[in-house]
Each structure stands twice: as structure tokens, then as C-alpha cells.
């Protein structure tokens, strides 16, 4: 049978929970700031195309080696750009999960 202590014993627990929630929110904010500052480089075509994105998936730059540019095969260059971006975004997802996953119970991409 549960024992009731009476008085305001529950208020201390509530304050403790509020402090824990505030600390968790601060850690999430720090991780999000770290993701914004982080840059990840995705590549394709053996380095012919490089895409740099932040940990929050904002595109920073695209670099294309001149030999990747073939006016007769623009579609290949488009595919290389998409592949490089997808590579960089996959890295961003992995880093986001690594930083936020433990804080959000595996729902890091939602924050």
C-alpha cells in the first residue's frame, strides 16, 4: 500500500522535475547550436562533386571539378550533385541522431 507523507512533499518532486526538464532543454539547445555550426561534406563521382551542408541540412556550398562538366551529358552532372547532397544529408542525419538521440529518446530529427 502506498504511504502518504502528507504536507507539501510532492512540491519538491515537481520542482526537481522542472529543473531536470530545464537542463534537458538547455542540452537540446546546445546540440542544435552545434549542428548549425557543423559542416559536413558529401561527395560523388570519386570526388568530382562535393556538397557541403550544416548539421541542420542547410546547403553551404557545391564544388564541381571542371572535368565533371560535359555539355553533352548534363543529366550525369545533375545526378552527381543529387548524390553528393544525399551523402551530405545522410551524414547530417547521423550526427543529429548522435547528438540529439540520447536527449530526445531517438526522435532527434524532430527537434
Protein backbone atom coordinates (compact mmCIF):
# COMPACT_ATOMS: atom_id res chain seq x y z
CA UNK A 1 0.00 0.00 0.00
CA UNK A 2 1.32 3.46 -0.90
CA UNK A 3 2.32 5.60 2.03
CA UNK A 4 1.18 9.23 2.05
CA UNK A 5 3.61 11.62 3.68
CA UNK A 6 1.12 14.48 3.77
CA UNK A 7 2.06 18.16 3.55
CA UNK A 8 3.83 19.53 0.50
CA UNK A 9 6.22 16.64 -0.18
CA UNK A 10 5.06 16.49 -3.79
CA UNK A 11 6.13 20.08 -4.48
CA UNK A 12 9.82 19.19 -4.06
CA UNK A 13 9.46 16.44 -6.64
CA UNK A 14 7.69 18.83 -9.03
CA UNK A 15 10.45 21.42 -8.66
CA UNK A 16 13.07 18.73 -9.25
CA UNK A 17 11.25 17.59 -12.41
CA UNK A 18 11.07 21.19 -13.63
CA UNK A 19 14.83 21.64 -13.08
CA UNK A 20 15.54 18.40 -14.94
CA UNK A 21 13.31 19.49 -17.84
CA UNK A 22 15.07 22.86 -17.99
CA UNK A 23 18.51 21.17 -18.05
CA UNK A 24 17.32 18.84 -20.80
CA UNK A 25 16.05 21.79 -22.86
CA UNK A 26 19.41 23.54 -22.43
CA UNK A 27 21.26 20.43 -23.62
CA UNK A 28 18.97 20.15 -26.65
CA UNK A 29 19.55 23.84 -27.47
CA UNK A 30 23.33 23.36 -27.20
CA UNK A 31 23.20 20.34 -29.50
CA UNK A 32 21.09 22.26 -32.03
CA UNK A 33 23.58 25.16 -31.99
CA UNK A 34 26.42 22.70 -32.54
CA UNK A 35 24.57 21.23 -35.53
CA UNK A 36 24.09 24.70 -37.04
CA UNK A 37 27.83 25.40 -36.85
CA UNK A 38 28.97 21.98 -38.05
CA UNK A 39 29.82 21.46 -41.74
CA UNK A 40 29.65 18.05 -43.42
CA UNK A 41 30.95 17.25 -46.90
CA UNK A 42 29.25 14.74 -49.16
CA UNK A 43 30.91 13.57 -52.37
CA UNK A 44 30.04 11.69 -55.53
CA UNK A 45 31.76 10.63 -58.71
CA UNK A 46 35.01 9.85 -56.89
CA UNK A 47 35.20 13.40 -55.60
CA UNK A 48 34.07 15.07 -58.83
CA UNK A 49 31.26 16.79 -56.93
CA UNK A 50 31.35 17.94 -53.30
CA UNK A 51 28.36 19.25 -51.37
CA UNK A 52 28.87 20.95 -48.01
CA UNK A 53 25.92 21.24 -45.63
CA UNK A 54 25.44 22.16 -41.99
CA UNK A 55 24.28 19.64 -39.43
CA UNK A 56 20.85 21.24 -39.84
CA UNK A 57 20.92 20.44 -43.59
CA UNK A 58 21.44 23.97 -44.87
CA UNK A 59 23.49 23.89 -48.08
CA UNK A 60 26.75 25.80 -47.66
CA UNK A 61 28.44 25.12 -50.99
CA UNK A 62 28.63 22.92 -54.08
CA UNK A 63 32.00 22.32 -55.74
CA UNK A 64 32.24 20.74 -59.18
CA UNK A 65 35.52 19.76 -60.81
CA UNK A 66 35.72 21.03 -64.41
CA UNK A 67 36.15 17.52 -65.79
CA UNK A 68 32.69 16.64 -64.41
CA UNK A 69 31.10 19.18 -66.74
CA UNK A 70 30.13 17.60 -70.03
CA UNK A 71 27.74 19.79 -72.07
CA UNK A 72 26.54 16.66 -73.85
CA UNK A 73 25.64 14.91 -70.58
CA UNK A 74 24.11 17.47 -68.22
CA UNK A 75 21.96 14.73 -66.69
CA UNK A 76 25.03 12.96 -65.33
CA UNK A 77 26.18 16.16 -63.60
CA UNK A 78 22.71 16.64 -62.12
CA UNK A 79 22.81 13.07 -60.79
CA UNK A 80 26.26 13.67 -59.27
CA UNK A 81 25.01 16.80 -57.49
CA UNK A 82 21.97 14.99 -56.10
CA UNK A 83 24.16 12.08 -54.94
CA UNK A 84 26.64 14.42 -53.21
CA UNK A 85 23.80 16.25 -51.45
CA UNK A 86 22.20 12.98 -50.37
CA UNK A 87 25.56 11.83 -48.99
CA UNK A 88 25.97 15.06 -47.00
CA UNK A 89 22.37 14.93 -45.75
CA UNK A 90 22.85 11.32 -44.60
CA UNK A 91 25.88 12.43 -42.62
CA UNK A 92 23.84 15.28 -41.11
CA UNK A 93 21.11 12.81 -40.09
CA UNK A 94 23.66 10.54 -38.42
CA UNK A 95 25.29 13.39 -36.50
CA UNK A 96 21.90 14.78 -35.48
CA UNK A 97 20.84 11.39 -34.16
CA UNK A 98 24.16 11.01 -32.35
CA UNK A 99 23.82 14.40 -30.64
CA UNK A 100 20.07 14.59 -30.08
CA UNK A 101 19.04 10.93 -29.92
CA UNK A 102 20.07 10.39 -26.29
CA UNK A 103 18.32 13.62 -25.31
CA UNK A 104 15.09 13.07 -27.22
CA UNK A 105 14.60 9.34 -26.97
CA UNK A 106 15.57 8.70 -30.59
CA UNK A 107 13.43 11.48 -32.04
CA UNK A 108 16.37 13.84 -32.69
CA UNK A 109 15.24 14.67 -36.22
CA UNK A 110 12.05 16.21 -34.84
CA UNK A 111 13.84 18.87 -32.83
